[in-house]
Amino acid sequence: MANDDTLVSPVISPDQAAFHLTPVGLEEGMGAVRTSPRDLGVLELIVIRPGIDERIVLPEVEVNAEGGLAGDSWRERGSRNTEDGSADPGEQVTVMNSRFARLISATEDRVPLAGDQLYVDLDLSWGNLPTGTLLEFPAVTLQVTDVPHTGCAKFRARFGMDALRLTNTPEGKDLRLRGINTTVVRAGMLRSGESVRVVRP
């Protein structure tokens, strides 16, 4: 993964396609994704998004119910899911499977470009993490919401159309390859490398 306290600017360059895996390459890496741990995982990367197309990788971050991750722009950027455009608590903290993020990124330093905040070595599938499931870190608890997390034009540009298509296949949707949305139910400090325990409803 990228070094701690690293600012990553995901600017799309003409040679971006050099990082795009083919369907064959993606399928070759999916075996590891399918065997992600189900009950006890690891938080492998913390990323905040202070501004548009900005990413900062942190070794730890304070989390609270009002603003989500300290320094992140979740509240400022708002949401299309609310009537007044304000931030949606249901998509307060986004979480992505770190194995899939590494697969589509091709290089470790490109993982934060996915745009999620937490990258965990954990099975995020609907069957494993139904709505209401708690993700318990040592000092923080997040709850899985029913707000869908889908790919966009930026995701396609950074990782390729084949990667985006994979997230939208029946299996990709079931595994929630694009990630999940969560809300904060217990505030505290999150630290990279700590465990995350699944508590199902």
N, C-alpha and C. Protein backbone atom coordinates (compact mmCIF):
# COMPACT_ATOMS: atom_id res chain seq x y z
N MET A 1 0.84 -1.19 0.00
CA MET A 1 0.00 0.00 0.00
C MET A 1 0.88 1.25 0.00
N ALA A 2 0.23 2.41 -0.23
CA ALA A 2 0.99 3.65 -0.24
C ALA A 2 1.52 3.97 1.15
N ASN A 3 2.56 4.78 1.23
CA ASN A 3 3.14 5.13 2.51
C ASN A 3 2.18 5.98 3.33
N ASP A 4 2.33 5.92 4.65
CA ASP A 4 1.50 6.71 5.54
C ASP A 4 1.67 8.20 5.27
N ASP A 5 0.59 8.97 5.46
CA ASP A 5 0.60 10.41 5.25
C ASP A 5 1.02 10.78 3.83
N THR A 6 0.58 9.97 2.86
CA THR A 6 0.93 10.22 1.47
C THR A 6 -0.24 10.86 0.76
N LEU A 7 0.03 11.97 0.07
CA LEU A 7 -0.99 12.63 -0.74
C LEU A 7 -0.97 12.01 -2.13
N VAL A 8 -2.12 11.51 -2.56
CA VAL A 8 -2.24 10.88 -3.87
C VAL A 8 -3.18 11.71 -4.71
N SER A 9 -2.72 12.17 -5.87
CA SER A 9 -3.57 12.95 -6.78
C SER A 9 -3.93 12.09 -7.99
N PRO A 10 -5.14 11.53 -8.01
CA PRO A 10 -5.52 10.62 -9.08
C PRO A 10 -5.88 11.33 -10.38
N VAL A 11 -4.91 11.94 -11.02
CA VAL A 11 -5.12 12.62 -12.29
C VAL A 11 -5.07 11.59 -13.41
N ILE A 12 -6.03 11.63 -14.30
CA ILE A 12 -6.07 10.69 -15.40
C ILE A 12 -5.07 11.11 -16.46
N SER A 13 -4.17 10.21 -16.83
CA SER A 13 -3.14 10.49 -17.81
C SER A 13 -3.35 9.65 -19.06
N PRO A 14 -2.72 10.02 -20.18
CA PRO A 14 -2.90 9.28 -21.43
C PRO A 14 -2.51 7.82 -21.34
N ASP A 15 -1.57 7.49 -20.46
CA ASP A 15 -1.12 6.11 -20.36
C ASP A 15 -1.86 5.31 -19.29
N GLN A 16 -2.99 5.83 -18.83
CA GLN A 16 -3.75 5.16 -17.77
C GLN A 16 -4.14 3.74 -18.17
N ALA A 17 -4.39 3.53 -19.45
CA ALA A 17 -4.81 2.20 -19.92
C ALA A 17 -3.75 1.14 -19.67
N ALA A 18 -2.51 1.55 -19.45
CA ALA A 18 -1.44 0.59 -19.20
C ALA A 18 -1.69 -0.18 -17.90
N PHE A 19 -2.52 0.37 -17.01
CA PHE A 19 -2.81 -0.27 -15.74
C PHE A 19 -4.09 -1.11 -15.77
N HIS A 20 -4.80 -1.12 -16.89
CA HIS A 20 -6.07 -1.81 -16.95
C HIS A 20 -5.87 -3.30 -17.23
N LEU A 21 -6.40 -4.14 -16.36
CA LEU A 21 -6.31 -5.58 -16.55
C LEU A 21 -7.34 -6.06 -17.56
N THR A 22 -7.02 -7.11 -18.27
CA THR A 22 -7.96 -7.75 -19.19
C THR A 22 -8.92 -8.62 -18.41
N PRO A 23 -10.02 -9.07 -19.01
CA PRO A 23 -10.93 -9.99 -18.31
C PRO A 23 -10.21 -11.23 -17.80
N VAL A 24 -9.25 -11.74 -18.59
CA VAL A 24 -8.49 -12.92 -18.15
C VAL A 24 -7.68 -12.60 -16.90
N GLY A 25 -7.01 -11.45 -16.92
CA GLY A 25 -6.22 -11.06 -15.76
C GLY A 25 -7.07 -10.85 -14.52
N LEU A 26 -8.24 -10.27 -14.71
CA LEU A 26 -9.15 -10.06 -13.59
C LEU A 26 -9.63 -11.39 -13.01
N GLU A 27 -10.00 -12.32 -13.88
CA GLU A 27 -10.49 -13.60 -13.41
C GLU A 27 -9.40 -14.38 -12.69
N GLU A 28 -8.17 -14.26 -13.16
CA GLU A 28 -7.06 -14.96 -12.50
C GLU A 28 -6.88 -14.49 -11.05
N GLY A 29 -7.23 -13.25 -10.80
CA GLY A 29 -7.07 -12.72 -9.44
C GLY A 29 -8.28 -12.86 -8.56
N MET A 30 -9.40 -13.26 -9.14
CA MET A 30 -10.65 -13.32 -8.37
C MET A 30 -10.67 -14.46 -7.36
N GLY A 31 -9.85 -15.47 -7.57
CA GLY A 31 -9.83 -16.58 -6.62
C GLY A 31 -9.50 -16.10 -5.22
N ALA A 32 -8.51 -15.21 -5.12
CA ALA A 32 -8.12 -14.68 -3.82
C ALA A 32 -9.23 -13.83 -3.22
N VAL A 33 -9.93 -13.08 -4.05
CA VAL A 33 -11.02 -12.22 -3.56
C VAL A 33 -12.16 -13.08 -3.00
N ARG A 34 -12.47 -14.17 -3.70
CA ARG A 34 -13.57 -15.04 -3.27
C ARG A 34 -13.29 -15.74 -1.95
N THR A 35 -12.03 -15.84 -1.57
CA THR A 35 -11.68 -16.53 -0.31
C THR A 35 -11.32 -15.54 0.80
N SER A 36 -11.77 -14.30 0.68
CA SER A 36 -11.54 -13.31 1.74
C SER A 36 -12.15 -13.81 3.06
N PRO A 37 -11.52 -13.49 4.19
CA PRO A 37 -12.06 -13.95 5.49
C PRO A 37 -13.46 -13.43 5.74
N ARG A 38 -14.27 -14.24 6.41
CA ARG A 38 -15.69 -13.91 6.61
C ARG A 38 -16.00 -13.30 7.97
N ASP A 39 -15.30 -13.69 8.99
CA ASP A 39 -15.68 -13.28 10.34
C ASP A 39 -14.70 -12.33 11.02
N LEU A 40 -13.45 -12.41 10.69
CA LEU A 40 -12.43 -11.57 11.30
C LEU A 40 -11.46 -11.12 10.22
N GLY A 41 -11.45 -9.82 9.96
CA GLY A 41 -10.60 -9.28 8.91
C GLY A 41 -9.58 -8.30 9.46
N VAL A 42 -8.92 -7.60 8.53
CA VAL A 42 -7.87 -6.64 8.89
C VAL A 42 -8.09 -5.34 8.12
N LEU A 43 -7.96 -4.22 8.81
CA LEU A 43 -8.01 -2.92 8.17
C LEU A 43 -6.62 -2.64 7.58
N GLU A 44 -6.53 -2.63 6.26
CA GLU A 44 -5.22 -2.54 5.62
C GLU A 44 -4.86 -1.15 5.13
N LEU A 45 -5.84 -0.28 4.95
CA LEU A 45 -5.53 1.05 4.45
C LEU A 45 -6.62 2.03 4.88
N ILE A 46 -6.20 3.21 5.31
CA ILE A 46 -7.11 4.30 5.66
C ILE A 46 -6.81 5.47 4.73
N VAL A 47 -7.85 5.97 4.07
CA VAL A 47 -7.68 7.07 3.12
C VAL A 47 -8.75 8.14 3.38
N ILE A 48 -8.33 9.38 3.45
CA ILE A 48 -9.31 10.47 3.51
C ILE A 48 -9.26 11.25 2.21
N ARG A 49 -10.38 11.93 1.91
CA ARG A 49 -10.53 12.67 0.66
C ARG A 49 -10.79 14.14 1.01
N PRO A 50 -9.74 14.93 1.22
CA PRO A 50 -9.94 16.32 1.64
C PRO A 50 -10.55 17.20 0.57
N GLY A 51 -10.40 16.83 -0.68
CA GLY A 51 -10.95 17.61 -1.79
C GLY A 51 -11.16 16.73 -3.00
N ILE A 52 -11.69 17.30 -4.06
CA ILE A 52 -11.94 16.54 -5.28
C ILE A 52 -10.63 15.99 -5.82
N ASP A 53 -10.62 14.69 -6.09
CA ASP A 53 -9.44 14.01 -6.64
C ASP A 53 -8.22 14.12 -5.76
N GLU A 54 -8.43 14.25 -4.45
CA GLU A 54 -7.32 14.23 -3.50
C GLU A 54 -7.49 13.07 -2.54
N ARG A 55 -6.39 12.40 -2.24
CA ARG A 55 -6.40 11.29 -1.31
C ARG A 55 -5.20 11.43 -0.37
N ILE A 56 -5.42 11.23 0.91
CA ILE A 56 -4.31 11.19 1.86
C ILE A 56 -4.39 9.87 2.62
N VAL A 57 -3.32 9.10 2.55
CA VAL A 57 -3.22 7.83 3.26
C VAL A 57 -2.71 8.09 4.66
N LEU A 58 -3.43 7.58 5.66
CA LEU A 58 -3.09 7.84 7.06
C LEU A 58 -2.85 6.55 7.83
N PRO A 59 -1.98 6.59 8.84
CA PRO A 59 -1.79 5.42 9.70
C PRO A 59 -2.92 5.27 10.71
N GLU A 60 -3.60 6.38 11.03
CA GLU A 60 -4.72 6.35 11.96
C GLU A 60 -5.58 7.58 11.71
N VAL A 61 -6.84 7.51 12.17
CA VAL A 61 -7.74 8.63 11.97
C VAL A 61 -8.82 8.61 13.05
N GLU A 62 -9.24 9.79 13.46
CA GLU A 62 -10.35 9.90 14.41
C GLU A 62 -11.66 9.79 13.65
N VAL A 63 -12.60 9.06 14.23
CA VAL A 63 -13.91 8.84 13.61
C VAL A 63 -14.99 9.31 14.56
N ASN A 64 -15.96 10.08 14.05
CA ASN A 64 -17.08 10.49 14.89
C ASN A 64 -18.38 10.44 14.11
N ALA A 65 -19.48 10.42 14.83
CA ALA A 65 -20.79 10.26 14.22
C ALA A 65 -21.25 11.48 13.45
N GLU A 66 -20.67 12.64 13.72
CA GLU A 66 -21.10 13.87 13.05
C GLU A 66 -20.42 14.06 11.69
N GLY A 67 -19.14 13.79 11.64
CA GLY A 67 -18.40 14.07 10.42
C GLY A 67 -17.76 12.88 9.75
N GLY A 68 -17.89 11.68 10.35
CA GLY A 68 -17.24 10.52 9.77
C GLY A 68 -15.75 10.54 10.08
N LEU A 69 -14.92 10.36 9.07
CA LEU A 69 -13.48 10.38 9.25
C LEU A 69 -12.97 11.82 9.29
N ALA A 70 -12.20 12.16 10.30
CA ALA A 70 -11.67 13.51 10.43
C ALA A 70 -10.82 13.87 9.21
N GLY A 71 -11.09 15.04 8.64
CA GLY A 71 -10.33 15.49 7.48
C GLY A 71 -10.91 15.07 6.15
N ASP A 72 -11.93 14.21 6.18
CA ASP A 72 -12.57 13.77 4.94
C ASP A 72 -13.69 14.74 4.56
N SER A 73 -14.00 14.80 3.27
CA SER A 73 -14.98 15.77 2.78
C SER A 73 -16.39 15.20 2.63
N TRP A 74 -16.68 14.09 3.33
CA TRP A 74 -17.99 13.46 3.20
C TRP A 74 -19.13 14.46 3.41
N ARG A 75 -19.08 15.23 4.46
CA ARG A 75 -20.18 16.16 4.75
C ARG A 75 -20.24 17.28 3.71
N GLU A 76 -19.12 17.80 3.31
CA GLU A 76 -19.10 18.92 2.37
C GLU A 76 -19.58 18.52 0.97
N ARG A 77 -19.28 17.31 0.56
CA ARG A 77 -19.61 16.92 -0.82
C ARG A 77 -21.09 16.60 -0.99
N GLY A 78 -21.81 16.34 0.10
CA GLY A 78 -23.24 16.10 0.00
C GLY A 78 -23.58 14.78 -0.68
N SER A 79 -24.85 14.64 -1.07
CA SER A 79 -25.31 13.38 -1.65
C SER A 79 -26.48 13.59 -2.60
N ARG A 80 -26.56 12.74 -3.60
CA ARG A 80 -27.70 12.74 -4.51
C ARG A 80 -28.88 11.97 -3.92
N ASN A 81 -28.65 11.31 -2.79
CA ASN A 81 -29.70 10.49 -2.19
C ASN A 81 -30.61 11.26 -1.23
N THR A 82 -30.26 12.50 -0.93
CA THR A 82 -31.08 13.29 -0.01
C THR A 82 -31.82 14.39 -0.77
N GLU A 83 -32.98 14.77 -0.27
CA GLU A 83 -33.81 15.76 -0.96
C GLU A 83 -33.13 17.12 -1.07
N ASP A 84 -32.40 17.50 -0.03
CA ASP A 84 -31.77 18.82 -0.05
C ASP A 84 -30.30 18.78 -0.46
N GLY A 85 -29.82 17.59 -0.86
CA GLY A 85 -28.44 17.47 -1.30
C GLY A 85 -27.42 17.39 -0.19
N SER A 86 -27.89 17.33 1.05
CA SER A 86 -26.96 17.24 2.18
C SER A 86 -26.36 15.84 2.27
N ALA A 87 -25.33 15.71 3.07
CA ALA A 87 -24.65 14.43 3.22
C ALA A 87 -25.60 13.36 3.78
N ASP A 88 -25.50 12.16 3.25
CA ASP A 88 -26.35 11.05 3.67
C ASP A 88 -25.60 10.21 4.70
N PRO A 89 -26.11 10.12 5.94
CA PRO A 89 -25.44 9.30 6.97
C PRO A 89 -25.28 7.85 6.54
N GLY A 90 -26.13 7.40 5.62
CA GLY A 90 -26.05 6.02 5.15
C GLY A 90 -24.83 5.74 4.30
N GLU A 91 -24.15 6.78 3.83
CA GLU A 91 -22.94 6.59 3.05
C GLU A 91 -21.78 7.38 3.67
N GLN A 92 -21.77 7.37 4.99
CA GLN A 92 -20.79 8.16 5.74
C GLN A 92 -19.36 7.65 5.56
N VAL A 93 -19.19 6.35 5.62
CA VAL A 93 -17.86 5.74 5.47
C VAL A 93 -17.96 4.61 4.46
N THR A 94 -17.17 4.69 3.39
CA THR A 94 -17.17 3.65 2.37
C THR A 94 -16.05 2.66 2.64
N VAL A 95 -16.36 1.39 2.40
CA VAL A 95 -15.42 0.31 2.69
C VAL A 95 -15.29 -0.58 1.45
N MET A 96 -14.07 -0.94 1.10
CA MET A 96 -13.81 -1.77 -0.08
C MET A 96 -12.94 -2.96 0.29
N ASN A 97 -13.16 -4.06 -0.40
CA ASN A 97 -12.34 -5.26 -0.22
C ASN A 97 -10.93 -4.97 -0.72
N SER A 98 -9.94 -5.10 0.14
CA SER A 98 -8.56 -4.74 -0.22
C SER A 98 -7.97 -5.67 -1.28
N ARG A 99 -8.41 -6.91 -1.31
CA ARG A 99 -7.89 -7.84 -2.31
C ARG A 99 -8.35 -7.43 -3.71
N PHE A 100 -9.60 -7.03 -3.82
CA PHE A 100 -10.09 -6.59 -5.12
C PHE A 100 -9.47 -5.26 -5.51
N ALA A 101 -9.31 -4.37 -4.54
CA ALA A 101 -8.70 -3.07 -4.82
C ALA A 101 -7.29 -3.24 -5.35
N ARG A 102 -6.53 -4.14 -4.77
CA ARG A 102 -5.18 -4.40 -5.24
C ARG A 102 -5.19 -5.00 -6.64
N LEU A 103 -6.14 -5.90 -6.87
CA LEU A 103 -6.23 -6.56 -8.17
C LEU A 103 -6.43 -5.56 -9.30
N ILE A 104 -7.40 -4.69 -9.16
CA ILE A 104 -7.71 -3.76 -10.25
C ILE A 104 -6.72 -2.60 -10.34
N SER A 105 -5.99 -2.35 -9.25
CA SER A 105 -5.07 -1.22 -9.23
C SER A 105 -3.76 -1.51 -9.95
N ALA A 106 -3.38 -2.76 -10.02
CA ALA A 106 -2.15 -3.20 -10.69
C ALA A 106 -0.90 -2.84 -9.89
N THR A 107 -0.84 -1.67 -9.28
CA THR A 107 0.28 -1.31 -8.41
C THR A 107 -0.27 -0.79 -7.09
N GLU A 108 0.49 -1.01 -6.03
CA GLU A 108 0.02 -0.68 -4.68
C GLU A 108 -0.33 0.80 -4.50
N ASP A 109 0.45 1.68 -5.13
CA ASP A 109 0.24 3.10 -4.91
C ASP A 109 -1.03 3.63 -5.57
N ARG A 110 -1.66 2.81 -6.43
CA ARG A 110 -2.88 3.25 -7.11
C ARG A 110 -4.15 2.82 -6.37
N VAL A 111 -4.02 2.03 -5.32
CA VAL A 111 -5.19 1.56 -4.58
C VAL A 111 -6.08 2.70 -4.09
N PRO A 112 -5.52 3.77 -3.52
CA PRO A 112 -6.39 4.86 -3.03
C PRO A 112 -7.23 5.53 -4.11
N LEU A 113 -6.86 5.33 -5.38
CA LEU A 113 -7.60 5.98 -6.45
C LEU A 113 -9.04 5.48 -6.55
N ALA A 114 -9.33 4.34 -5.94
CA ALA A 114 -10.70 3.82 -5.98
C ALA A 114 -11.68 4.78 -5.32
N GLY A 115 -11.19 5.59 -4.39
CA GLY A 115 -12.04 6.61 -3.79
C GLY A 115 -12.72 6.21 -2.51
N ASP A 116 -12.44 5.00 -2.02
CA ASP A 116 -13.03 4.58 -0.76
C ASP A 116 -12.14 5.02 0.40
N GLN A 117 -12.68 4.93 1.61
CA GLN A 117 -11.96 5.41 2.77
C GLN A 117 -11.25 4.29 3.53
N LEU A 118 -11.90 3.14 3.64
CA LEU A 118 -11.31 2.02 4.35
C LEU A 118 -11.20 0.82 3.42
N TYR A 119 -10.04 0.17 3.46
CA TYR A 119 -9.79 -1.02 2.65
C TYR A 119 -9.50 -2.17 3.60
N VAL A 120 -10.38 -3.17 3.59
CA VAL A 120 -10.29 -4.24 4.56
C VAL A 120 -10.15 -5.59 3.87
N ASP A 121 -9.40 -6.47 4.50
CA ASP A 121 -9.30 -7.85 4.03
C ASP A 121 -10.47 -8.60 4.67
N LEU A 122 -11.61 -8.55 4.00
CA LEU A 122 -12.85 -9.10 4.55
C LEU A 122 -13.84 -9.34 3.43
N ASP A 123 -14.63 -10.40 3.55
CA ASP A 123 -15.70 -10.71 2.60
C ASP A 123 -16.84 -9.72 2.82
N LEU A 124 -17.10 -8.88 1.81
CA LEU A 124 -18.14 -7.85 1.92
C LEU A 124 -19.45 -8.25 1.25
N SER A 125 -19.59 -9.50 0.88
CA SER A 125 -20.76 -9.95 0.14
C SER A 125 -22.05 -9.77 0.93
N TRP A 126 -23.15 -9.71 0.18
CA TRP A 126 -24.47 -9.58 0.80
C TRP A 126 -24.73 -10.72 1.78
N GLY A 127 -24.33 -11.93 1.40
CA GLY A 127 -24.56 -13.08 2.26
C GLY A 127 -23.78 -13.01 3.56
N ASN A 128 -22.61 -12.38 3.51
CA ASN A 128 -21.78 -12.30 4.71
C ASN A 128 -22.08 -11.07 5.55
N LEU A 129 -22.41 -9.93 4.88
CA LEU A 129 -22.66 -8.68 5.60
C LEU A 129 -24.02 -8.10 5.22
N PRO A 130 -25.11 -8.71 5.68
CA PRO A 130 -26.42 -8.13 5.38
C PRO A 130 -26.58 -6.76 6.03
N THR A 131 -27.53 -6.00 5.53
CA THR A 131 -27.80 -4.68 6.09
C THR A 131 -28.00 -4.77 7.61
N GLY A 132 -27.35 -3.89 8.33
CA GLY A 132 -27.43 -3.89 9.78
C GLY A 132 -26.26 -4.57 10.46
N THR A 133 -25.42 -5.27 9.68
CA THR A 133 -24.24 -5.91 10.25
C THR A 133 -23.30 -4.86 10.85
N LEU A 134 -22.70 -5.20 11.97
CA LEU A 134 -21.73 -4.31 12.60
C LEU A 134 -20.32 -4.75 12.25
N LEU A 135 -19.48 -3.77 11.93
CA LEU A 135 -18.06 -4.01 11.74
C LEU A 135 -17.37 -3.41 12.96
N GLU A 136 -16.89 -4.28 13.83
CA GLU A 136 -16.33 -3.85 15.10
C GLU A 136 -14.80 -3.82 15.06
N PHE A 137 -14.26 -2.61 15.11
CA PHE A 137 -12.83 -2.39 15.26
C PHE A 137 -12.57 -2.22 16.76
N PRO A 138 -11.33 -2.23 17.22
CA PRO A 138 -11.08 -2.11 18.65
C PRO A 138 -11.75 -0.92 19.31
N ALA A 139 -11.78 0.25 18.65
CA ALA A 139 -12.35 1.45 19.28
C ALA A 139 -13.48 2.08 18.48
N VAL A 140 -13.82 1.52 17.34
CA VAL A 140 -14.84 2.09 16.45
C VAL A 140 -15.77 1.00 15.96
N THR A 141 -17.06 1.34 15.82
CA THR A 141 -18.02 0.40 15.23
C THR A 141 -18.75 1.09 14.09
N LEU A 142 -18.79 0.42 12.95
CA LEU A 142 -19.54 0.88 11.79
C LEU A 142 -20.68 -0.08 11.53
N GLN A 143 -21.77 0.44 10.99
CA GLN A 143 -22.91 -0.40 10.64
C GLN A 143 -23.15 -0.36 9.15
N VAL A 144 -23.30 -1.54 8.55
CA VAL A 144 -23.55 -1.65 7.11
C VAL A 144 -24.95 -1.14 6.79
N THR A 145 -25.05 -0.24 5.80
CA THR A 145 -26.34 0.32 5.42
C THR A 145 -26.81 -0.29 4.09
N ASP A 146 -28.03 0.05 3.70
CA ASP A 146 -28.57 -0.47 2.45
C ASP A 146 -28.35 0.47 1.27
N VAL A 147 -27.59 1.54 1.47
CA VAL A 147 -27.32 2.48 0.38
C VAL A 147 -26.34 1.82 -0.59
N PRO A 148 -26.70 1.67 -1.87
CA PRO A 148 -25.81 1.01 -2.82
C PRO A 148 -24.56 1.82 -3.10
N HIS A 149 -23.48 1.12 -3.39
CA HIS A 149 -22.21 1.76 -3.74
C HIS A 149 -21.85 1.27 -5.14
N THR A 150 -21.85 2.15 -6.12
CA THR A 150 -21.66 1.75 -7.51
C THR A 150 -20.48 2.49 -8.14
N GLY A 151 -20.00 1.95 -9.26
CA GLY A 151 -18.89 2.54 -9.98
C GLY A 151 -19.33 3.75 -10.77
N CYS A 152 -18.36 4.54 -11.23
CA CYS A 152 -18.67 5.76 -11.99
C CYS A 152 -17.65 5.92 -13.11
N ALA A 153 -17.75 7.04 -13.81
CA ALA A 153 -16.85 7.30 -14.93
C ALA A 153 -15.39 7.35 -14.47
N LYS A 154 -15.14 7.92 -13.29
CA LYS A 154 -13.77 8.00 -12.79
C LYS A 154 -13.22 6.60 -12.50
N PHE A 155 -14.05 5.74 -11.94
CA PHE A 155 -13.64 4.36 -11.67
C PHE A 155 -13.27 3.67 -12.97
N ARG A 156 -14.07 3.85 -14.00
CA ARG A 156 -13.81 3.24 -15.30
C ARG A 156 -12.50 3.77 -15.89
N ALA A 157 -12.27 5.08 -15.79
CA ALA A 157 -11.05 5.67 -16.35
C ALA A 157 -9.80 5.16 -15.65
N ARG A 158 -9.89 4.98 -14.35
CA ARG A 158 -8.71 4.58 -13.58
C ARG A 158 -8.41 3.09 -13.66
N PHE A 159 -9.47 2.28 -13.73
CA PHE A 159 -9.27 0.83 -13.65
C PHE A 159 -9.73 0.07 -14.88
N GLY A 160 -10.42 0.73 -15.80
CA GLY A 160 -10.81 0.09 -17.04
C GLY A 160 -12.26 -0.35 -17.08
N MET A 161 -12.80 -0.42 -18.29
CA MET A 161 -14.18 -0.84 -18.47
C MET A 161 -14.41 -2.27 -18.00
N ASP A 162 -13.43 -3.14 -18.21
CA ASP A 162 -13.60 -4.53 -17.80
C ASP A 162 -13.73 -4.65 -16.29
N ALA A 163 -12.98 -3.84 -15.54
CA ALA A 163 -13.10 -3.86 -14.08
C ALA A 163 -14.47 -3.35 -13.66
N LEU A 164 -14.94 -2.29 -14.31
CA LEU A 164 -16.26 -1.76 -13.98
C LEU A 164 -17.34 -2.78 -14.31
N ARG A 165 -17.23 -3.43 -15.46
CA ARG A 165 -18.20 -4.45 -15.84
C ARG A 165 -18.23 -5.59 -14.83
N LEU A 166 -17.05 -5.96 -14.33
CA LEU A 166 -16.98 -7.04 -13.35
C LEU A 166 -17.75 -6.69 -12.09
N THR A 167 -17.67 -5.44 -11.66
CA THR A 167 -18.41 -5.05 -10.45
C THR A 167 -19.91 -5.10 -10.67
N ASN A 168 -20.35 -5.04 -11.94
CA ASN A 168 -21.78 -5.02 -12.25
C ASN A 168 -22.33 -6.36 -12.70
N THR A 169 -21.49 -7.41 -12.72
CA THR A 169 -21.99 -8.75 -13.01
C THR A 169 -22.79 -9.25 -11.80
N PRO A 170 -23.60 -10.29 -11.99
CA PRO A 170 -24.33 -10.84 -10.82
C PRO A 170 -23.40 -11.21 -9.67
N GLU A 171 -22.26 -11.83 -9.99
CA GLU A 171 -21.33 -12.18 -8.93
C GLU A 171 -20.71 -10.93 -8.32
N GLY A 172 -20.34 -9.99 -9.17
CA GLY A 172 -19.73 -8.76 -8.68
C GLY A 172 -20.64 -8.00 -7.74
N LYS A 173 -21.94 -7.97 -8.08
CA LYS A 173 -22.90 -7.29 -7.21
C LYS A 173 -23.10 -8.06 -5.92
N ASP A 174 -23.13 -9.39 -6.01
CA ASP A 174 -23.31 -10.21 -4.81
C ASP A 174 -22.12 -10.06 -3.86
N LEU A 175 -20.91 -10.03 -4.43
CA LEU A 175 -19.71 -9.87 -3.61
C LEU A 175 -19.50 -8.42 -3.18
N ARG A 176 -20.28 -7.51 -3.79
CA ARG A 176 -20.14 -6.07 -3.57
C ARG A 176 -18.69 -5.63 -3.78
N LEU A 177 -18.20 -5.98 -4.98
CA LEU A 177 -16.82 -5.67 -5.33
C LEU A 177 -16.54 -4.18 -5.30
N ARG A 178 -17.54 -3.36 -5.65
CA ARG A 178 -17.32 -1.93 -5.65
C ARG A 178 -17.26 -1.38 -4.23
N GLY A 179 -17.70 -2.16 -3.26
CA GLY A 179 -17.62 -1.73 -1.87
C GLY A 179 -18.98 -1.59 -1.23
N ILE A 180 -18.98 -1.15 0.02
CA ILE A 180 -20.21 -0.98 0.78
C ILE A 180 -20.22 0.38 1.46
N ASN A 181 -21.40 0.81 1.83
CA ASN A 181 -21.56 2.04 2.61
C ASN A 181 -21.86 1.69 4.06
N THR A 182 -21.31 2.47 4.97
CA THR A 182 -21.55 2.25 6.39
C THR A 182 -21.77 3.58 7.10
N THR A 183 -22.29 3.49 8.31
CA THR A 183 -22.48 4.68 9.14
C THR A 183 -21.82 4.43 10.49
N VAL A 184 -21.39 5.49 11.13
CA VAL A 184 -20.67 5.38 12.41
C VAL A 184 -21.67 5.20 13.55
N VAL A 185 -21.49 4.16 14.37
CA VAL A 185 -22.34 3.96 15.54
C VAL A 185 -21.53 4.01 16.84
N ARG A 186 -20.21 3.92 16.74
CA ARG A 186 -19.33 4.10 17.92
C ARG A 186 -18.09 4.85 17.46
N ALA A 187 -17.88 6.02 18.05
CA ALA A 187 -16.77 6.88 17.66
C ALA A 187 -15.48 6.47 18.37
N GLY A 188 -14.34 6.83 17.75
CA GLY A 188 -13.05 6.53 18.35
C GLY A 188 -11.95 6.65 17.33
N MET A 189 -10.84 6.00 17.59
CA MET A 189 -9.68 6.04 16.70
C MET A 189 -9.58 4.74 15.90
N LEU A 190 -9.39 4.89 14.59
CA LEU A 190 -9.12 3.76 13.72
C LEU A 190 -7.63 3.75 13.41
N ARG A 191 -7.04 2.55 13.41
CA ARG A 191 -5.62 2.43 13.12
C ARG A 191 -5.39 1.36 12.07
N SER A 192 -4.58 1.69 11.09
CA SER A 192 -4.24 0.74 10.05
C SER A 192 -3.58 -0.49 10.65
N GLY A 193 -4.00 -1.67 10.20
CA GLY A 193 -3.44 -2.92 10.69
C GLY A 193 -4.24 -3.58 11.79
N GLU A 194 -5.23 -2.88 12.32
CA GLU A 194 -6.02 -3.49 13.40
C GLU A 194 -7.11 -4.39 12.83
N SER A 195 -7.67 -5.20 13.70
CA SER A 195 -8.65 -6.19 13.28
C SER A 195 -10.05 -5.59 13.17
N VAL A 196 -10.88 -6.26 12.40
CA VAL A 196 -12.29 -5.91 12.30
C VAL A 196 -13.11 -7.19 12.43
N ARG A 197 -14.05 -7.17 13.36
CA ARG A 197 -14.87 -8.35 13.64
C ARG A 197 -16.29 -8.14 13.14
N VAL A 198 -16.84 -9.16 12.53
CA VAL A 198 -18.20 -9.09 11.98
C VAL A 198 -19.21 -9.54 13.03
N VAL A 199 -20.21 -8.68 13.26
CA VAL A 199 -21.32 -9.02 14.16
C VAL A 199 -22.61 -8.87 13.37
N ARG A 200 -23.19 -9.99 12.99
CA ARG A 200 -24.37 -9.96 12.13
C ARG A 200 -25.64 -9.73 12.93
N PRO A 201 -26.65 -9.11 12.31
CA PRO A 201 -27.91 -8.84 13.03
C PRO A 201 -28.67 -10.13 13.29
